[in-house]
C-alpha atoms as a PDB file:
ATOM      1  CA  MET A   1      34.695 153.425 147.861  1.00  0.00           C
ATOM      2  CA  SER A   2      35.239 155.351 151.332  1.00  0.00           C
ATOM      3  CA  THR A   3      37.195 158.147 151.711  1.00  0.00           C
ATOM      4  CA  VAL A   4      39.659 156.253 154.182  1.00  0.00           C
ATOM      5  CA  SER A   5      40.121 153.424 151.806  1.00  0.00           C
ATOM      6  CA  LYS A   6      40.879 156.147 149.135  1.00  0.00           C
ATOM      7  CA  VAL A   7      43.504 157.984 151.685  1.00  0.00           C
ATOM      8  CA  VAL A   8      45.140 154.409 152.514  1.00  0.00           C
ATOM      9  CA  LEU A   9      45.188 153.595 148.807  1.00  0.00           C
ATOM     10  CA  GLY A  10      46.703 156.887 147.824  1.00  0.00           C
ATOM     11  CA  ALA A  11      49.294 156.662 150.899  1.00  0.00           C
ATOM     12  CA  SER A  12      50.357 153.353 149.928  1.00  0.00           C
ATOM     13  CA  VAL A  13      50.724 154.002 146.114  1.00  0.00           C
ATOM     14  CA  LEU A  14      52.989 157.330 147.312  1.00  0.00           C
ATOM     15  CA  LEU A  15      55.220 155.127 149.730  1.00  0.00           C
ATOM     16  CA  SER A  16      55.743 152.194 147.321  1.00  0.00           C
ATOM     17  CA  GLY A  17      56.740 154.800 144.438  1.00  0.00           C
ATOM     18  CA  ALA A  18      59.007 156.495 146.794  1.00  0.00           C
ATOM     19  CA  VAL A  19      60.686 153.535 147.892  1.00  0.00           C
ATOM     20  CA  VAL A  20      61.156 152.504 144.102  1.00  0.00           C
ATOM     21  CA  VAL A  21      62.761 155.769 143.320  1.00  0.00           C
ATOM     22  CA  GLY A  22      64.837 155.804 146.589  1.00  0.00           C
ATOM     23  CA  VAL A  23      66.261 152.225 145.391  1.00  0.00           C
ATOM     24  CA  HIS A  24      67.139 153.628 142.030  1.00  0.00           C
ATOM     25  CA  VAL A  25      68.968 156.286 143.109  1.00  0.00           C
ATOM     26  CA  GLN A  26      70.854 154.255 145.710  1.00  0.00           C
ATOM     27  CA  GLN A  27      71.671 152.068 142.941  1.00  0.00           C
ATOM     28  CA  ARG A  28      73.045 154.616 140.846  1.00  0.00           C
ATOM     29  CA  ARG A  29      75.094 156.025 143.851  1.00  0.00           C
ATOM     30  CA  VAL A  30      76.831 152.722 144.191  1.00  0.00           C
ATOM     31  CA  ARG A  31      77.319 152.188 140.701  1.00  0.00           C
ATOM     32  CA  GLU A  32      79.111 155.622 140.480  1.00  0.00           C
ATOM     33  CA  ARG A  33      81.233 154.929 143.539  1.00  0.00           C
ATOM     34  CA  LEU A  34      82.444 151.659 141.926  1.00  0.00           C
ATOM     35  CA  ARG A  35      83.317 153.407 138.996  1.00  0.00           C
ATOM     36  CA  GLU A  36      84.998 155.979 140.661  1.00  0.00           C
ATOM     37  CA  GLY A  37      87.051 153.134 142.696  1.00  0.00           C
ATOM     38  CA  VAL A  38      88.194 151.713 139.250  1.00  0.00           C
ATOM     39  CA  PHE A  39      89.591 155.314 138.336  1.00  0.00           C
ATOM     40  CA  ARG A  40      91.358 155.589 141.820  1.00  0.00           C
ATOM     41  CA  ASP A  41      93.100 152.306 141.543  1.00  0.00           C
ATOM     42  CA  LEU A  42      94.357 153.225 137.825  1.00  0.00           C
ATOM     43  CA  GLU A  43      95.555 156.580 139.281  1.00  0.00           C
ATOM     44  CA  ARG A  44      97.306 154.723 142.113  1.00  0.00           C
ATOM     45  CA  GLN A  45      98.800 152.258 139.785  1.00  0.00           C
ATOM     46  CA  ASN A  46     100.284 154.982 137.525  1.00  0.00           C
ATOM     47  CA  ARG A  47     101.629 157.033 140.506  1.00  0.00           C
ATOM     48  CA  LYS A  48     103.057 153.510 141.905  1.00  0.00           C
ATOM     49  CA  GLN A  49     104.897 153.028 138.429  1.00  0.00           C
ATOM     50  CA  GLU A  50     106.159 156.713 138.504  1.00  0.00           C
ATOM     51  CA  ASN A  51     107.343 156.407 142.037  1.00  0.00           C
ATOM     52  CA  LEU A  52     109.501 153.313 140.889  1.00  0.00           C
ATOM     53  CA  ARG A  53     110.820 154.994 137.817  1.00  0.00           C
ATOM     54  CA  LEU A  54     111.982 157.899 140.214  1.00  0.00           C
ATOM     55  CA  LEU A  55     113.386 155.650 142.481  1.00  0.00           C
ATOM     56  CA  GLU A  56     115.608 153.943 139.598  1.00  0.00           C
ATOM     57  CA  GLU A  57     116.662 157.165 138.520  1.00  0.00           C
ATOM     58  CA  GLN A  58     117.666 158.211 142.169  1.00  0.00           C
ATOM     59  CA  ILE A  59     119.959 154.885 142.174  1.00  0.00           C
ATOM     60  CA  VAL A  60     121.596 155.592 139.163  1.00  0.00           C
ATOM     61  CA  LEU A  61     122.389 159.204 140.128  1.00  0.00           C
ATOM     62  CA  THR A  62     123.411 157.877 143.403  1.00  0.00           C
ATOM     63  CA  LYS A  63     125.875 155.368 142.140  1.00  0.00           C
ATOM     64  CA  GLN A  64     127.393 157.996 139.692  1.00  0.00           C
ATOM     65  CA  LEU A  65     128.104 160.351 142.536  1.00  0.00           C
ATOM     66  CA  GLU A  66     129.584 157.573 144.509  1.00  0.00           C
ATOM     67  CA  MET A  67     131.627 156.777 141.624  1.00  0.00           C
ATOM     68  CA  GLU A  68     132.772 160.570 141.035  1.00  0.00           C
ATOM     69  CA  ARG A  69     133.618 160.727 144.823  1.00  0.00           C
ATOM     70  CA  SER A  70     135.831 157.756 144.736  1.00  0.00           C
ATOM     71  CA  LYS A  71     137.644 159.159 141.686  1.00  0.00           C
ATOM     72  CA  MET A  72     138.116 162.080 143.594  1.00  0.00           C
ATOM     73  CA  LEU A  73     139.473 160.499 146.670  1.00  0.00           C
ATOM     74  CA  MET A  74     141.745 158.213 144.365  1.00  0.00           C
ATOM     75  CA  ALA A  75     142.794 161.678 142.730  1.00  0.00           C
ATOM     76  CA  ARG A  76     143.651 163.371 145.972  1.00  0.00           C
ATOM     77  CA  GLU A  77     145.691 160.050 147.408  1.00  0.00           C
ATOM     78  CA  SER A  78     147.738 160.126 144.071  1.00  0.00           C
ATOM     79  CA  GLN A  79     148.657 163.925 144.405  1.00  0.00           C
ATOM     80  CA  GLN A  80     149.712 163.350 148.049  1.00  0.00           C
END
């Protein structure tokens, strides 16, 4: 085998190996990104549930405050 053919064969083997390694690395990154997306979605859902719970608490507190205000106004009007 001539020197030129050995160089071409070696270069093609190295290039093929580099392509295979590159594809595996890229697949691993895509898999990790997909997995992170699932975790982000779960975290987003948890935050949404927490926000809804806080909103409901605020609604209840607002109703209580309005009732107390109306009682105070009624008490003031009855005193006058």
